[in-house]
Amino acid sequence: MSTVLTVNVAQPRPNPANERILTGIDKRPVEGPVGVRAPGPMHGGLGSGLIGDTIGNQQFHGGDDQAVYAYAREDLDGWQTELDREIANGVFGENLTTAGVDVTNARIGERWRIGSDGLELEVSRPRIPCRTFAAWLQINGWMKTFTRSAIPGAYLRLVHPGTVRAGDAIVVAERPDHDITVGFVFRALTLESHLLPEILRADALPDELKELAGRRVSM
């Protein structure tokens, strides 16, 4: 069974990469239910899709196409082994720590129905690592290590608002017939740019990624 293990929201703190600003990367499990709504545009919107969560840098994070971030507990367990350190739910900055979901192989445009309150989310794009992520974990070379792994976690946009809490079931309500996955798009955006034209087969990609891929096609 696929489930939400924990719902995690930010404990705002000075950004370890730039202490003059706050970051919401330190996310910790909370008692539910937590409301989820569309946050609006990245710049000037509400930031996170989760009520009570914080997005520190809205230049690159938050907004409708990055309303909710999910990461699989199975993948966190793999990192625990590789890094030989405990990684608690929320430490990667994810809003939803999942169990039984192959997040990396989720297809762009795949829709998840969560819980019994009508919440529905759509897989939109992978997470790209940033300096804040590396500074938060205090691991030398972390951005390169994370990129090579191609296990980025998935951003999701809101299809229908609702609430989410630990223990909610996750049901794949709809799956597109293309094979463009979160992991595929991540590889195209990072180390394998020759794949960029292929990601255009996923209609649900954010416009900025479609434009990027379109430029590659026209070269």
N, C-alpha and C. Protein backbone atom coordinates (compact mmCIF):
# COMPACT_ATOMS: atom_id res chain seq x y z
N MET A 1 0.84 -1.20 0.00
CA MET A 1 0.00 0.00 0.00
C MET A 1 0.87 1.24 0.00
N SER A 2 0.52 2.23 -0.81
CA SER A 2 1.25 3.49 -0.87
C SER A 2 0.62 4.49 0.11
N THR A 3 1.46 5.09 0.92
CA THR A 3 0.94 5.97 1.96
C THR A 3 1.83 7.19 2.16
N VAL A 4 1.25 8.18 2.84
CA VAL A 4 2.02 9.31 3.37
C VAL A 4 2.51 8.91 4.76
N LEU A 5 3.82 8.81 4.91
CA LEU A 5 4.36 8.50 6.23
C LEU A 5 4.26 9.68 7.16
N THR A 6 4.74 10.84 6.69
CA THR A 6 4.65 12.06 7.49
C THR A 6 4.38 13.25 6.58
N VAL A 7 3.74 14.25 7.16
CA VAL A 7 3.56 15.55 6.52
C VAL A 7 4.50 16.51 7.23
N ASN A 8 5.35 17.20 6.46
CA ASN A 8 6.43 17.99 7.05
C ASN A 8 6.31 19.46 6.64
N VAL A 9 6.40 20.35 7.62
CA VAL A 9 6.37 21.79 7.33
C VAL A 9 7.59 22.45 7.93
N ALA A 10 7.88 23.63 7.44
CA ALA A 10 9.14 24.31 7.76
C ALA A 10 9.20 24.84 9.18
N GLN A 11 10.41 24.77 9.71
CA GLN A 11 10.81 25.51 10.89
C GLN A 11 11.77 26.60 10.38
N PRO A 12 11.26 27.80 10.08
CA PRO A 12 12.12 28.81 9.45
C PRO A 12 13.38 29.09 10.27
N ARG A 13 14.49 29.22 9.57
CA ARG A 13 15.77 29.47 10.21
C ARG A 13 16.65 30.24 9.24
N PRO A 14 17.72 30.90 9.74
CA PRO A 14 18.64 31.57 8.82
C PRO A 14 19.20 30.58 7.82
N ASN A 15 19.27 31.01 6.59
CA ASN A 15 19.78 30.16 5.51
C ASN A 15 21.27 29.89 5.73
N PRO A 16 21.68 28.63 5.81
CA PRO A 16 23.10 28.33 6.06
C PRO A 16 24.00 28.77 4.91
N ALA A 17 23.43 29.01 3.74
CA ALA A 17 24.21 29.49 2.61
C ALA A 17 24.25 31.01 2.53
N ASN A 18 23.34 31.66 3.27
CA ASN A 18 23.27 33.13 3.30
C ASN A 18 22.41 33.53 4.49
N GLU A 19 23.03 33.79 5.62
CA GLU A 19 22.29 33.98 6.87
C GLU A 19 21.48 35.27 6.91
N ARG A 20 21.58 36.11 5.89
CA ARG A 20 20.78 37.33 5.86
C ARG A 20 19.33 37.04 5.49
N ILE A 21 19.05 35.84 4.98
CA ILE A 21 17.69 35.49 4.59
C ILE A 21 17.27 34.21 5.31
N LEU A 22 15.97 33.98 5.38
CA LEU A 22 15.44 32.78 6.00
C LEU A 22 15.26 31.68 4.97
N THR A 23 15.29 30.45 5.44
CA THR A 23 15.01 29.30 4.59
C THR A 23 13.97 28.41 5.26
N GLY A 24 13.21 27.71 4.43
CA GLY A 24 12.23 26.75 4.94
C GLY A 24 12.64 25.32 4.71
N ILE A 25 13.94 25.08 4.45
CA ILE A 25 14.37 23.72 4.13
C ILE A 25 14.29 22.78 5.32
N ASP A 26 14.34 23.32 6.53
CA ASP A 26 14.24 22.48 7.74
C ASP A 26 12.77 22.16 7.98
N LYS A 27 12.33 21.04 7.43
CA LYS A 27 10.93 20.65 7.57
C LYS A 27 10.81 19.47 8.53
N ARG A 28 9.77 19.52 9.36
CA ARG A 28 9.59 18.50 10.39
C ARG A 28 8.15 18.00 10.42
N PRO A 29 7.97 16.73 10.80
CA PRO A 29 6.62 16.18 10.82
C PRO A 29 5.70 16.92 11.78
N VAL A 30 4.45 17.07 11.35
CA VAL A 30 3.43 17.74 12.16
C VAL A 30 2.19 16.86 12.25
N GLU A 31 1.41 17.12 13.28
CA GLU A 31 0.11 16.45 13.41
C GLU A 31 -0.82 17.00 12.34
N GLY A 32 -1.59 16.14 11.74
CA GLY A 32 -2.52 16.60 10.70
C GLY A 32 -3.88 16.90 11.28
N PRO A 33 -4.82 17.24 10.42
CA PRO A 33 -4.63 17.40 8.98
C PRO A 33 -4.04 18.76 8.62
N VAL A 34 -3.36 18.80 7.48
CA VAL A 34 -2.79 20.05 6.96
C VAL A 34 -3.49 20.38 5.65
N GLY A 35 -3.97 21.60 5.55
CA GLY A 35 -4.65 22.03 4.34
C GLY A 35 -3.68 22.24 3.19
N VAL A 36 -4.12 21.89 1.99
CA VAL A 36 -3.31 22.08 0.79
C VAL A 36 -4.14 22.87 -0.21
N ARG A 37 -3.54 23.98 -0.72
CA ARG A 37 -4.21 24.80 -1.70
C ARG A 37 -3.19 25.30 -2.72
N ALA A 38 -3.67 25.83 -3.83
CA ALA A 38 -2.77 26.35 -4.86
C ALA A 38 -2.12 27.62 -4.35
N PRO A 39 -0.77 27.69 -4.37
CA PRO A 39 -0.11 28.87 -3.81
C PRO A 39 -0.03 30.06 -4.76
N GLY A 40 -0.40 29.88 -6.04
CA GLY A 40 -0.29 30.98 -6.97
C GLY A 40 1.09 31.05 -7.61
N PRO A 41 1.45 32.19 -8.18
CA PRO A 41 2.73 32.29 -8.90
C PRO A 41 3.93 32.15 -7.96
N MET A 42 5.06 31.73 -8.54
CA MET A 42 6.28 31.60 -7.75
C MET A 42 6.68 32.94 -7.14
N HIS A 43 6.63 33.99 -7.94
CA HIS A 43 7.03 35.31 -7.48
C HIS A 43 5.79 36.08 -7.01
N GLY A 44 5.70 36.31 -5.72
CA GLY A 44 4.60 37.08 -5.18
C GLY A 44 3.41 36.27 -4.73
N GLY A 45 3.47 34.95 -4.89
CA GLY A 45 2.38 34.10 -4.43
C GLY A 45 2.54 33.71 -2.97
N LEU A 46 1.85 32.66 -2.57
CA LEU A 46 1.87 32.21 -1.18
C LEU A 46 3.07 31.32 -0.87
N GLY A 47 3.81 30.91 -1.89
CA GLY A 47 4.98 30.06 -1.68
C GLY A 47 4.62 28.60 -1.75
N SER A 48 4.44 27.99 -0.59
CA SER A 48 4.13 26.57 -0.50
C SER A 48 2.65 26.30 -0.68
N GLY A 49 2.34 25.08 -1.13
CA GLY A 49 0.96 24.66 -1.21
C GLY A 49 0.39 24.23 0.13
N LEU A 50 1.25 23.95 1.11
CA LEU A 50 0.79 23.51 2.42
C LEU A 50 0.59 24.71 3.33
N ILE A 51 -0.58 24.81 3.91
CA ILE A 51 -0.86 25.89 4.85
C ILE A 51 0.03 25.70 6.08
N GLY A 52 0.75 26.76 6.45
CA GLY A 52 1.66 26.70 7.60
C GLY A 52 3.09 26.43 7.23
N ASP A 53 3.35 26.11 5.96
CA ASP A 53 4.71 25.88 5.49
C ASP A 53 5.33 27.22 5.06
N THR A 54 6.65 27.25 4.91
CA THR A 54 7.36 28.47 4.53
C THR A 54 8.30 28.20 3.37
N ILE A 55 8.30 29.08 2.39
CA ILE A 55 9.28 29.08 1.31
C ILE A 55 10.15 30.31 1.51
N GLY A 56 11.45 30.11 1.72
CA GLY A 56 12.33 31.22 2.01
C GLY A 56 12.71 32.02 0.77
N ASN A 57 13.03 31.34 -0.32
CA ASN A 57 13.51 31.99 -1.53
C ASN A 57 12.52 31.75 -2.66
N GLN A 58 11.62 32.71 -2.89
CA GLN A 58 10.59 32.54 -3.91
C GLN A 58 11.09 32.93 -5.30
N GLN A 59 12.40 33.15 -5.42
CA GLN A 59 12.95 33.36 -6.75
C GLN A 59 13.03 32.03 -7.50
N PHE A 60 13.26 30.95 -6.75
CA PHE A 60 13.44 29.64 -7.38
C PHE A 60 12.50 28.56 -6.84
N HIS A 61 11.85 28.82 -5.71
CA HIS A 61 11.07 27.77 -5.04
C HIS A 61 9.62 28.20 -4.86
N GLY A 62 8.75 27.22 -4.72
CA GLY A 62 7.34 27.49 -4.50
C GLY A 62 6.60 27.79 -5.78
N GLY A 63 5.35 28.19 -5.64
CA GLY A 63 4.50 28.46 -6.79
C GLY A 63 3.70 27.24 -7.21
N ASP A 64 2.77 27.44 -8.10
CA ASP A 64 1.82 26.38 -8.46
C ASP A 64 2.49 25.10 -8.96
N ASP A 65 3.56 25.23 -9.75
CA ASP A 65 4.20 24.03 -10.30
C ASP A 65 5.11 23.34 -9.29
N GLN A 66 5.36 23.97 -8.16
CA GLN A 66 6.19 23.38 -7.10
C GLN A 66 5.48 23.53 -5.76
N ALA A 67 4.18 23.24 -5.78
CA ALA A 67 3.36 23.47 -4.60
C ALA A 67 3.69 22.52 -3.46
N VAL A 68 3.99 21.26 -3.80
CA VAL A 68 4.25 20.21 -2.81
C VAL A 68 5.46 19.41 -3.28
N TYR A 69 6.35 19.09 -2.35
CA TYR A 69 7.53 18.29 -2.69
C TYR A 69 7.45 16.96 -1.96
N ALA A 70 7.60 15.87 -2.71
CA ALA A 70 7.51 14.52 -2.14
C ALA A 70 8.83 13.77 -2.33
N TYR A 71 9.20 13.01 -1.30
CA TYR A 71 10.40 12.17 -1.38
C TYR A 71 10.10 10.85 -0.71
N ALA A 72 10.59 9.76 -1.31
CA ALA A 72 10.27 8.42 -0.81
C ALA A 72 11.15 8.05 0.38
N ARG A 73 10.54 7.47 1.39
CA ARG A 73 11.31 6.99 2.55
C ARG A 73 12.31 5.93 2.13
N GLU A 74 11.95 5.11 1.15
CA GLU A 74 12.88 4.09 0.67
C GLU A 74 14.16 4.72 0.13
N ASP A 75 14.04 5.87 -0.53
CA ASP A 75 15.21 6.56 -1.06
C ASP A 75 16.00 7.23 0.05
N LEU A 76 15.31 7.76 1.05
CA LEU A 76 16.01 8.31 2.21
C LEU A 76 16.80 7.21 2.92
N ASP A 77 16.23 6.01 3.00
CA ASP A 77 16.94 4.89 3.63
C ASP A 77 18.21 4.56 2.84
N GLY A 78 18.12 4.64 1.52
CA GLY A 78 19.31 4.41 0.70
C GLY A 78 20.39 5.44 0.98
N TRP A 79 19.99 6.69 1.13
CA TRP A 79 20.96 7.73 1.46
C TRP A 79 21.55 7.53 2.86
N GLN A 80 20.72 7.08 3.79
CA GLN A 80 21.24 6.80 5.13
C GLN A 80 22.39 5.81 5.08
N THR A 81 22.21 4.76 4.28
CA THR A 81 23.26 3.75 4.15
C THR A 81 24.49 4.33 3.47
N GLU A 82 24.28 5.04 2.37
CA GLU A 82 25.42 5.59 1.62
C GLU A 82 26.19 6.63 2.42
N LEU A 83 25.47 7.48 3.15
CA LEU A 83 26.12 8.58 3.86
C LEU A 83 26.51 8.21 5.28
N ASP A 84 26.01 7.05 5.76
CA ASP A 84 26.28 6.58 7.12
C ASP A 84 25.89 7.63 8.16
N ARG A 85 24.66 8.13 8.01
CA ARG A 85 24.11 9.09 8.97
C ARG A 85 22.59 8.98 8.94
N GLU A 86 21.98 9.33 10.04
CA GLU A 86 20.52 9.28 10.11
C GLU A 86 19.92 10.41 9.29
N ILE A 87 18.90 10.08 8.53
CA ILE A 87 18.17 11.09 7.77
C ILE A 87 16.70 10.96 8.14
N ALA A 88 16.23 11.88 8.94
CA ALA A 88 14.84 11.84 9.41
C ALA A 88 13.90 12.33 8.32
N ASN A 89 12.64 11.98 8.43
CA ASN A 89 11.63 12.48 7.51
C ASN A 89 11.63 14.00 7.53
N GLY A 90 11.66 14.61 6.36
CA GLY A 90 11.65 16.06 6.24
C GLY A 90 13.01 16.69 6.06
N VAL A 91 14.08 15.95 6.34
CA VAL A 91 15.43 16.52 6.29
C VAL A 91 15.82 16.96 4.88
N PHE A 92 15.28 16.31 3.86
CA PHE A 92 15.57 16.72 2.49
C PHE A 92 14.69 17.90 2.06
N GLY A 93 13.92 18.42 2.98
CA GLY A 93 13.04 19.55 2.67
C GLY A 93 11.73 19.13 2.06
N GLU A 94 11.40 17.83 2.14
CA GLU A 94 10.17 17.36 1.50
C GLU A 94 8.96 17.62 2.40
N ASN A 95 7.84 17.96 1.76
CA ASN A 95 6.57 18.13 2.47
C ASN A 95 5.92 16.80 2.79
N LEU A 96 6.04 15.85 1.86
CA LEU A 96 5.45 14.52 2.05
C LEU A 96 6.55 13.49 1.98
N THR A 97 6.73 12.75 3.06
CA THR A 97 7.60 11.57 3.02
C THR A 97 6.69 10.38 2.77
N THR A 98 6.94 9.68 1.66
CA THR A 98 6.03 8.62 1.22
C THR A 98 6.61 7.24 1.48
N ALA A 99 5.74 6.25 1.47
CA ALA A 99 6.14 4.84 1.53
C ALA A 99 5.37 4.09 0.46
N GLY A 100 6.09 3.21 -0.25
CA GLY A 100 5.44 2.40 -1.28
C GLY A 100 5.19 3.13 -2.58
N VAL A 101 5.82 4.29 -2.78
CA VAL A 101 5.67 5.06 -4.02
C VAL A 101 7.03 5.15 -4.69
N ASP A 102 7.12 4.73 -5.95
CA ASP A 102 8.36 4.87 -6.71
C ASP A 102 8.37 6.28 -7.30
N VAL A 103 8.79 7.25 -6.48
CA VAL A 103 8.69 8.66 -6.87
C VAL A 103 9.54 8.95 -8.10
N THR A 104 10.74 8.39 -8.16
CA THR A 104 11.63 8.67 -9.30
C THR A 104 11.01 8.24 -10.62
N ASN A 105 10.26 7.17 -10.61
CA ASN A 105 9.66 6.66 -11.85
C ASN A 105 8.20 7.07 -12.02
N ALA A 106 7.75 8.02 -11.21
CA ALA A 106 6.43 8.60 -11.45
C ALA A 106 6.47 9.39 -12.75
N ARG A 107 5.42 9.30 -13.53
CA ARG A 107 5.40 9.99 -14.82
C ARG A 107 4.93 11.44 -14.65
N ILE A 108 5.50 12.32 -15.44
CA ILE A 108 5.06 13.71 -15.44
C ILE A 108 3.59 13.74 -15.87
N GLY A 109 2.75 14.37 -15.06
CA GLY A 109 1.32 14.40 -15.33
C GLY A 109 0.54 13.32 -14.61
N GLU A 110 1.24 12.44 -13.94
CA GLU A 110 0.58 11.41 -13.13
C GLU A 110 -0.16 12.08 -11.98
N ARG A 111 -1.36 11.61 -11.69
CA ARG A 111 -2.17 12.23 -10.64
C ARG A 111 -2.32 11.30 -9.44
N TRP A 112 -2.08 11.90 -8.26
CA TRP A 112 -2.18 11.16 -7.01
C TRP A 112 -3.40 11.66 -6.24
N ARG A 113 -4.28 10.72 -5.87
CA ARG A 113 -5.39 11.04 -4.97
C ARG A 113 -4.96 10.62 -3.56
N ILE A 114 -5.01 11.55 -2.64
CA ILE A 114 -4.44 11.33 -1.31
C ILE A 114 -5.51 11.48 -0.24
N GLY A 115 -5.62 10.47 0.62
CA GLY A 115 -6.57 10.52 1.72
C GLY A 115 -8.02 10.46 1.25
N SER A 116 -8.91 10.94 2.11
CA SER A 116 -10.34 10.82 1.83
C SER A 116 -11.03 12.17 1.76
N ASP A 117 -10.23 13.25 1.67
CA ASP A 117 -10.80 14.59 1.71
C ASP A 117 -10.79 15.27 0.33
N GLY A 118 -10.53 14.48 -0.71
CA GLY A 118 -10.59 15.02 -2.06
C GLY A 118 -9.29 15.58 -2.60
N LEU A 119 -8.21 15.54 -1.81
CA LEU A 119 -6.95 16.10 -2.28
C LEU A 119 -6.42 15.32 -3.48
N GLU A 120 -6.10 16.05 -4.55
CA GLU A 120 -5.51 15.43 -5.73
C GLU A 120 -4.35 16.30 -6.22
N LEU A 121 -3.21 15.67 -6.45
CA LEU A 121 -2.00 16.36 -6.89
C LEU A 121 -1.51 15.76 -8.19
N GLU A 122 -0.77 16.56 -8.96
CA GLU A 122 -0.24 16.10 -10.24
C GLU A 122 1.28 16.27 -10.25
N VAL A 123 1.98 15.22 -10.64
CA VAL A 123 3.44 15.27 -10.71
C VAL A 123 3.84 16.25 -11.82
N SER A 124 4.69 17.23 -11.46
CA SER A 124 5.00 18.29 -12.43
C SER A 124 6.46 18.31 -12.87
N ARG A 125 7.41 18.03 -11.96
CA ARG A 125 8.82 18.16 -12.32
C ARG A 125 9.69 17.62 -11.18
N PRO A 126 10.98 17.37 -11.45
CA PRO A 126 11.90 16.98 -10.38
C PRO A 126 12.44 18.18 -9.63
N ARG A 127 12.98 17.91 -8.48
CA ARG A 127 13.70 18.93 -7.71
C ARG A 127 15.14 19.01 -8.23
N ILE A 128 15.66 20.23 -8.36
CA ILE A 128 17.04 20.45 -8.74
C ILE A 128 17.78 20.95 -7.49
N PRO A 129 18.91 20.34 -7.12
CA PRO A 129 19.59 20.73 -5.88
C PRO A 129 20.13 22.14 -5.95
N CYS A 130 20.17 22.81 -4.80
CA CYS A 130 20.66 24.18 -4.73
C CYS A 130 21.69 24.30 -3.60
N ARG A 131 22.33 25.48 -3.52
CA ARG A 131 23.36 25.69 -2.51
C ARG A 131 22.82 25.57 -1.09
N THR A 132 21.57 25.99 -0.90
CA THR A 132 20.97 25.88 0.43
C THR A 132 20.89 24.43 0.87
N PHE A 133 20.49 23.55 -0.03
CA PHE A 133 20.38 22.12 0.26
C PHE A 133 21.74 21.57 0.68
N ALA A 134 22.79 21.93 -0.06
CA ALA A 134 24.13 21.45 0.27
C ALA A 134 24.61 22.01 1.60
N ALA A 135 24.38 23.30 1.84
CA ALA A 135 24.83 23.90 3.09
C ALA A 135 24.06 23.35 4.28
N TRP A 136 22.79 23.04 4.08
CA TRP A 136 21.95 22.50 5.15
C TRP A 136 22.46 21.13 5.60
N LEU A 137 22.83 20.26 4.64
CA LEU A 137 23.29 18.92 4.99
C LEU A 137 24.77 18.90 5.39
N GLN A 138 25.51 19.95 5.03
CA GLN A 138 26.93 20.06 5.37
C GLN A 138 27.72 18.84 4.88
N ILE A 139 27.52 18.54 3.59
CA ILE A 139 28.22 17.42 2.95
C ILE A 139 29.01 17.98 1.77
N ASN A 140 30.31 17.83 1.81
CA ASN A 140 31.15 18.31 0.72
C ASN A 140 30.77 17.61 -0.59
N GLY A 141 30.64 18.39 -1.64
CA GLY A 141 30.30 17.82 -2.94
C GLY A 141 28.89 17.30 -3.05
N TRP A 142 28.00 17.71 -2.15
CA TRP A 142 26.67 17.13 -2.11
C TRP A 142 25.88 17.36 -3.41
N MET A 143 25.98 18.55 -4.00
CA MET A 143 25.21 18.81 -5.21
C MET A 143 25.60 17.85 -6.33
N LYS A 144 26.88 17.57 -6.47
CA LYS A 144 27.33 16.62 -7.50
C LYS A 144 26.89 15.20 -7.14
N THR A 145 26.99 14.83 -5.88
CA THR A 145 26.58 13.48 -5.45
C THR A 145 25.09 13.26 -5.68
N PHE A 146 24.28 14.25 -5.29
CA PHE A 146 22.84 14.16 -5.46
C PHE A 146 22.47 14.10 -6.94
N THR A 147 23.17 14.89 -7.74
CA THR A 147 22.87 14.92 -9.18
C THR A 147 23.22 13.59 -9.84
N ARG A 148 24.36 13.03 -9.51
CA ARG A 148 24.76 11.75 -10.10
C ARG A 148 23.78 10.64 -9.77
N SER A 149 23.18 10.71 -8.61
CA SER A 149 22.25 9.65 -8.18
C SER A 149 20.97 9.65 -9.00
N ALA A 150 20.55 10.84 -9.46
CA ALA A 150 19.30 10.99 -10.22
C ALA A 150 18.09 10.45 -9.45
N ILE A 151 18.07 10.72 -8.15
CA ILE A 151 16.92 10.36 -7.30
C ILE A 151 16.45 11.67 -6.66
N PRO A 152 15.75 12.52 -7.44
CA PRO A 152 15.54 13.90 -7.01
C PRO A 152 14.31 14.18 -6.17
N GLY A 153 13.38 13.24 -6.12
CA GLY A 153 12.09 13.58 -5.53
C GLY A 153 11.25 14.35 -6.53
N ALA A 154 9.97 14.49 -6.26
CA ALA A 154 9.04 15.09 -7.22
C ALA A 154 8.31 16.28 -6.64
N TYR A 155 8.21 17.33 -7.46
CA TYR A 155 7.29 18.42 -7.17
C TYR A 155 5.93 18.07 -7.76
N LEU A 156 4.90 18.55 -7.06
CA LEU A 156 3.53 18.31 -7.50
C LEU A 156 2.74 19.61 -7.48
N ARG A 157 1.81 19.73 -8.43
CA ARG A 157 0.90 20.87 -8.45
C ARG A 157 -0.48 20.42 -7.97
N LEU A 158 -1.28 21.37 -7.56
CA LEU A 158 -2.62 21.05 -7.06
C LEU A 158 -3.61 20.87 -8.20
N VAL A 159 -4.38 19.79 -8.13
CA VAL A 159 -5.51 19.58 -9.03
C VAL A 159 -6.80 19.89 -8.30
N HIS A 160 -6.92 19.37 -7.06
CA HIS A 160 -8.11 19.62 -6.24
C HIS A 160 -7.66 19.79 -4.80
N PRO A 161 -8.08 20.87 -4.12
CA PRO A 161 -7.64 21.11 -2.74
C PRO A 161 -8.23 20.10 -1.77
N GLY A 162 -7.59 20.04 -0.62
CA GLY A 162 -8.05 19.14 0.44
C GLY A 162 -7.09 19.19 1.60
N THR A 163 -7.06 18.15 2.38
CA THR A 163 -6.15 18.06 3.51
C THR A 163 -5.35 16.78 3.41
N VAL A 164 -4.22 16.76 4.13
CA VAL A 164 -3.36 15.59 4.14
C VAL A 164 -2.85 15.37 5.56
N ARG A 165 -2.69 14.11 5.91
CA ARG A 165 -2.15 13.77 7.22
C ARG A 165 -1.37 12.47 7.11
N ALA A 166 -0.54 12.20 8.10
CA ALA A 166 0.22 10.95 8.13
C ALA A 166 -0.75 9.77 8.10
N GLY A 167 -0.40 8.76 7.30
CA GLY A 167 -1.22 7.57 7.20
C GLY A 167 -2.19 7.58 6.03
N ASP A 168 -2.34 8.74 5.37
CA ASP A 168 -3.24 8.80 4.22
C ASP A 168 -2.75 7.89 3.10
N ALA A 169 -3.68 7.21 2.46
CA ALA A 169 -3.34 6.40 1.30
C ALA A 169 -3.07 7.29 0.09
N ILE A 170 -2.15 6.84 -0.75
CA ILE A 170 -1.86 7.51 -2.03
C ILE A 170 -2.28 6.56 -3.15
N VAL A 171 -3.19 7.01 -3.98
CA VAL A 171 -3.69 6.21 -5.09
C VAL A 171 -3.36 6.94 -6.39
N VAL A 172 -2.74 6.24 -7.33
CA VAL A 172 -2.50 6.83 -8.64
C VAL A 172 -3.82 6.81 -9.39
N ALA A 173 -4.43 8.00 -9.51
CA ALA A 173 -5.76 8.09 -10.11
C ALA A 173 -5.70 8.15 -11.63
N GLU A 174 -4.56 8.62 -12.15
CA GLU A 174 -4.43 8.77 -13.60
C GLU A 174 -2.95 8.72 -13.95
N ARG A 175 -2.61 8.01 -15.02
CA ARG A 175 -1.22 7.90 -15.44
C ARG A 175 -1.14 8.11 -16.96
N PRO A 176 -0.40 9.11 -17.42
CA PRO A 176 -0.28 9.36 -18.87
C PRO A 176 0.32 8.16 -19.59
N ASP A 177 0.10 8.10 -20.91
CA ASP A 177 0.60 6.96 -21.67
C ASP A 177 2.02 7.16 -22.20
N HIS A 178 2.65 8.33 -21.88
CA HIS A 178 4.05 8.50 -22.25
C HIS A 178 4.94 7.88 -21.17
N ASP A 179 6.26 7.84 -21.42
CA ASP A 179 7.18 7.24 -20.45
C ASP A 179 8.18 8.26 -19.89
N ILE A 180 7.79 9.53 -19.86
CA ILE A 180 8.67 10.59 -19.35
C ILE A 180 8.47 10.69 -17.84
N THR A 181 9.46 10.24 -17.12
CA THR A 181 9.37 10.17 -15.66
C THR A 181 10.11 11.33 -14.99
N VAL A 182 9.93 11.44 -13.70
CA VAL A 182 10.65 12.43 -12.90
C VAL A 182 12.16 12.25 -13.07
N GLY A 183 12.62 11.02 -12.98
CA GLY A 183 14.05 10.75 -13.13
C GLY A 183 14.56 11.10 -14.51
N PHE A 184 13.79 10.82 -15.55
CA PHE A 184 14.19 11.13 -16.92
C PHE A 184 14.36 12.63 -17.10
N VAL A 185 13.38 13.41 -16.63
CA VAL A 185 13.46 14.86 -16.76
C VAL A 185 14.65 15.40 -15.98
N PHE A 186 14.90 14.85 -14.80
CA PHE A 186 16.05 15.30 -14.02
C PHE A 186 17.35 15.08 -14.79
N ARG A 187 17.51 13.91 -15.38
CA ARG A 187 18.73 13.64 -16.13
C ARG A 187 18.85 14.58 -17.33
N ALA A 188 17.73 14.87 -17.98
CA ALA A 188 17.74 15.79 -19.11
C ALA A 188 18.16 17.20 -18.70
N LEU A 189 17.74 17.62 -17.50
CA LEU A 189 18.03 18.97 -17.04
C LEU A 189 19.43 19.12 -16.46
N THR A 190 20.09 18.00 -16.16
CA THR A 190 21.38 18.08 -15.47
C THR A 190 22.52 17.54 -16.32
N LEU A 191 22.68 16.25 -16.37
CA LEU A 191 23.87 15.66 -16.97
C LEU A 191 23.67 15.14 -18.40
N GLU A 192 22.44 15.06 -18.87
CA GLU A 192 22.17 14.46 -20.18
C GLU A 192 21.28 15.37 -21.01
N SER A 193 21.80 16.54 -21.36
CA SER A 193 20.99 17.55 -22.03
C SER A 193 20.49 17.09 -23.40
N HIS A 194 21.12 16.08 -23.99
CA HIS A 194 20.63 15.57 -25.28
C HIS A 194 19.23 14.97 -25.16
N LEU A 195 18.79 14.69 -23.92
CA LEU A 195 17.45 14.14 -23.70
C LEU A 195 16.36 15.21 -23.69
N LEU A 196 16.75 16.48 -23.66
CA LEU A 196 15.76 17.55 -23.50
C LEU A 196 14.63 17.50 -24.53
N PRO A 197 14.91 17.27 -25.81
CA PRO A 197 13.78 17.23 -26.76
C PRO A 197 12.73 16.17 -26.41
N GLU A 198 13.16 15.08 -25.78
CA GLU A 198 12.24 14.00 -25.46
C GLU A 198 11.19 14.41 -24.42
N ILE A 199 11.57 15.33 -23.51
CA ILE A 199 10.65 15.65 -22.42
C ILE A 199 9.43 16.42 -22.92
N LEU A 200 9.48 16.92 -24.15
CA LEU A 200 8.32 17.62 -24.70
C LEU A 200 7.12 16.69 -24.89
N ARG A 201 7.36 15.40 -24.81
CA ARG A 201 6.24 14.45 -24.94
C ARG A 201 5.34 14.46 -23.70
N ALA A 202 5.79 15.12 -22.64
CA ALA A 202 5.00 15.21 -21.41
C ALA A 202 4.27 16.55 -21.38
N ASP A 203 3.00 16.56 -21.73
CA ASP A 203 2.23 17.80 -21.81
C ASP A 203 2.17 18.55 -20.48
N ALA A 204 2.27 17.84 -19.37
CA ALA A 204 2.09 18.46 -18.06
C ALA A 204 3.34 19.14 -17.52
N LEU A 205 4.42 19.13 -18.28
CA LEU A 205 5.62 19.84 -17.85
C LEU A 205 5.33 21.32 -17.66
N PRO A 206 5.99 21.98 -16.69
CA PRO A 206 5.86 23.43 -16.57
C PRO A 206 6.33 24.13 -17.84
N ASP A 207 5.74 25.29 -18.12
CA ASP A 207 6.05 26.02 -19.35
C ASP A 207 7.54 26.33 -19.47
N GLU A 208 8.19 26.68 -18.36
CA GLU A 208 9.61 27.05 -18.44
C GLU A 208 10.46 25.88 -18.93
N LEU A 209 10.09 24.65 -18.57
CA LEU A 209 10.85 23.50 -19.03
C LEU A 209 10.53 23.17 -20.48
N LYS A 210 9.29 23.41 -20.89
CA LYS A 210 8.94 23.23 -22.30
C LYS A 210 9.72 24.21 -23.16
N GLU A 211 9.86 25.44 -22.67
CA GLU A 211 10.62 26.45 -23.44
C GLU A 211 12.09 26.06 -23.54
N LEU A 212 12.63 25.55 -22.44
CA LEU A 212 14.03 25.10 -22.45
C LEU A 212 14.23 23.97 -23.45
N ALA A 213 13.34 23.00 -23.40
CA ALA A 213 13.44 21.87 -24.32
C ALA A 213 13.22 22.32 -25.76
N GLY A 214 12.30 23.28 -25.96
CA GLY A 214 12.04 23.78 -27.30
C GLY A 214 13.26 24.46 -27.90
N ARG A 215 14.00 25.18 -27.07
CA ARG A 215 15.21 25.82 -27.57
C ARG A 215 16.23 24.78 -28.00
N ARG A 216 16.28 23.67 -27.27
CA ARG A 216 17.20 22.60 -27.62
C ARG A 216 16.82 21.98 -28.98
N VAL A 217 15.52 21.83 -29.20
CA VAL A 217 15.05 21.25 -30.45
C VAL A 217 15.42 22.14 -31.63
N SER A 218 15.34 23.46 -31.43
CA SER A 218 15.58 24.40 -32.54
C SER A 218 17.05 24.66 -32.82
N MET A 219 17.94 24.13 -31.99
CA MET A 219 19.37 24.36 -32.19
C MET A 219 19.89 23.59 -33.41
